[in-house]
Amino acid sequence: MTVYQLLQIIWAVSAIGLIVLVLLHSPKGDGIGGIGGQAQLFTSAKSAETALNRVTWTLAIIFIGLTVVLSAGWVQ
């Protein structure tokens, strides 16, 4: 497995994860709470939303960064 293939796999996983996390966000601020009690893993709905936002932003940065690297041809 080459570095290019590894970066493509990470890029694809981050894309799928980003789609899932964006769908978990609720326009009313429920976030994970709308999925069926998953917010009970966190101390409050606010902390669940904060954690969801951080993970979403992290995956977005990884996805955009890898998109630039892979499309520019910097890695062969």
C-alpha atoms as a PDB file:
ATOM      1  CA  MET A   1       0.000   0.000   0.000  1.00  0.00           C
ATOM      2  CA  THR A   2       1.452   3.339  -1.032  1.00  0.00           C
ATOM      3  CA  VAL A   3       1.201   6.641   0.805  1.00  0.00           C
ATOM      4  CA  TYR A   4      -1.132   7.908  -1.916  1.00  0.00           C
ATOM      5  CA  GLN A   5      -3.536   5.007  -1.369  1.00  0.00           C
ATOM      6  CA  LEU A   6      -3.400   5.495   2.397  1.00  0.00           C
ATOM      7  CA  LEU A   7      -4.262   9.180   2.005  1.00  0.00           C
ATOM      8  CA  GLN A   8      -7.154   8.270  -0.299  1.00  0.00           C
ATOM      9  CA  ILE A   9      -8.529   5.859   2.301  1.00  0.00           C
ATOM     10  CA  ILE A  10      -8.252   8.477   5.051  1.00  0.00           C
ATOM     11  CA  TRP A  11      -9.904  11.004   2.712  1.00  0.00           C
ATOM     12  CA  ALA A  12     -12.829   8.657   1.974  1.00  0.00           C
ATOM     13  CA  VAL A  13     -13.323   7.756   5.649  1.00  0.00           C
ATOM     14  CA  SER A  14     -13.274  11.424   6.631  1.00  0.00           C
ATOM     15  CA  ALA A  15     -15.849  12.190   3.919  1.00  0.00           C
ATOM     16  CA  ILE A  16     -18.214   9.486   5.170  1.00  0.00           C
ATOM     17  CA  GLY A  17     -17.667  10.520   8.786  1.00  0.00           C
ATOM     18  CA  LEU A  18     -18.314  14.140   7.898  1.00  0.00           C
ATOM     19  CA  ILE A  19     -21.592  13.247   6.203  1.00  0.00           C
ATOM     20  CA  VAL A  20     -22.737  11.249   9.230  1.00  0.00           C
ATOM     21  CA  LEU A  21     -21.749  13.954  11.712  1.00  0.00           C
ATOM     22  CA  VAL A  22     -23.444  16.722   9.747  1.00  0.00           C
ATOM     23  CA  LEU A  23     -26.623  14.641   9.655  1.00  0.00           C
ATOM     24  CA  LEU A  24     -26.421  14.182  13.436  1.00  0.00           C
ATOM     25  CA  HIS A  25     -26.581  17.934  13.956  1.00  0.00           C
ATOM     26  CA  SER A  26     -30.039  19.186  14.703  1.00  0.00           C
ATOM     27  CA  PRO A  27     -31.246  22.616  13.621  1.00  0.00           C
ATOM     28  CA  LYS A  28     -32.917  23.025  17.025  1.00  0.00           C
ATOM     29  CA  GLY A  29     -29.731  22.290  18.945  1.00  0.00           C
ATOM     30  CA  ASP A  30     -30.760  18.754  19.924  1.00  0.00           C
ATOM     31  CA  GLY A  31     -27.789  17.235  18.161  1.00  0.00           C
ATOM     32  CA  ILE A  32     -27.240  13.638  19.185  1.00  0.00           C
ATOM     33  CA  GLY A  33     -30.264  13.786  21.480  1.00  0.00           C
ATOM     34  CA  GLY A  34     -32.632  13.346  18.550  1.00  0.00           C
ATOM     35  CA  ILE A  35     -31.218   9.926  17.712  1.00  0.00           C
ATOM     36  CA  GLY A  36     -32.829   8.173  20.636  1.00  0.00           C
ATOM     37  CA  GLY A  37     -31.195   8.939  23.930  1.00  0.00           C
ATOM     38  CA  GLN A  38     -27.586   8.927  22.780  1.00  0.00           C
ATOM     39  CA  ALA A  39     -26.971  12.240  24.535  1.00  0.00           C
ATOM     40  CA  GLN A  40     -27.076  10.420  27.875  1.00  0.00           C
ATOM     41  CA  LEU A  41     -23.451   9.488  27.249  1.00  0.00           C
ATOM     42  CA  PHE A  42     -22.643  13.133  27.876  1.00  0.00           C
ATOM     43  CA  THR A  43     -23.287  15.231  30.966  1.00  0.00           C
ATOM     44  CA  SER A  44     -25.618  17.594  29.137  1.00  0.00           C
ATOM     45  CA  ALA A  45     -26.982  18.414  25.701  1.00  0.00           C
ATOM     46  CA  LYS A  46     -24.639  21.396  25.566  1.00  0.00           C
ATOM     47  CA  SER A  47     -21.523  19.254  26.050  1.00  0.00           C
ATOM     48  CA  ALA A  48     -22.789  16.754  23.455  1.00  0.00           C
ATOM     49  CA  GLU A  49     -23.265  19.543  20.930  1.00  0.00           C
ATOM     50  CA  THR A  50     -19.831  20.988  21.730  1.00  0.00           C
ATOM     51  CA  ALA A  51     -18.150  17.600  21.259  1.00  0.00           C
ATOM     52  CA  LEU A  52     -20.062  17.027  18.026  1.00  0.00           C
ATOM     53  CA  ASN A  53     -18.970  20.433  16.724  1.00  0.00           C
ATOM     54  CA  ARG A  54     -15.307  19.779  17.538  1.00  0.00           C
ATOM     55  CA  VAL A  55     -15.262  16.391  15.832  1.00  0.00           C
ATOM     56  CA  THR A  56     -17.104  17.808  12.810  1.00  0.00           C
ATOM     57  CA  TRP A  57     -14.633  20.683  12.440  1.00  0.00           C
ATOM     58  CA  THR A  58     -11.684  18.314  12.816  1.00  0.00           C
ATOM     59  CA  LEU A  59     -12.993  15.998  10.104  1.00  0.00           C
ATOM     60  CA  ALA A  60     -13.774  18.971   7.861  1.00  0.00           C
ATOM     61  CA  ILE A  61     -10.206  20.270   8.165  1.00  0.00           C
ATOM     62  CA  ILE A  62      -8.784  16.803   7.458  1.00  0.00           C
ATOM     63  CA  PHE A  63     -11.090  16.368   4.451  1.00  0.00           C
ATOM     64  CA  ILE A  64     -10.302  19.782   2.952  1.00  0.00           C
ATOM     65  CA  GLY A  65      -6.578  19.413   3.588  1.00  0.00           C
ATOM     66  CA  LEU A  66      -6.419  15.992   1.965  1.00  0.00           C
ATOM     67  CA  THR A  67      -8.538  17.231  -0.942  1.00  0.00           C
ATOM     68  CA  VAL A  68      -5.961  19.929  -1.643  1.00  0.00           C
ATOM     69  CA  VAL A  69      -3.007  17.562  -1.246  1.00  0.00           C
ATOM     70  CA  LEU A  70      -4.493  14.816  -3.402  1.00  0.00           C
ATOM     71  CA  SER A  71      -5.787  17.117  -6.145  1.00  0.00           C
ATOM     72  CA  ALA A  72      -2.538  19.106  -6.368  1.00  0.00           C
ATOM     73  CA  GLY A  73      -0.565  15.952  -7.005  1.00  0.00           C
ATOM     74  CA  TRP A  74       1.940  16.626  -4.238  1.00  0.00           C
ATOM     75  CA  VAL A  75       1.993  12.937  -3.291  1.00  0.00           C
ATOM     76  CA  GLN A  76       2.647  10.262  -5.890  1.00  0.00           C
END
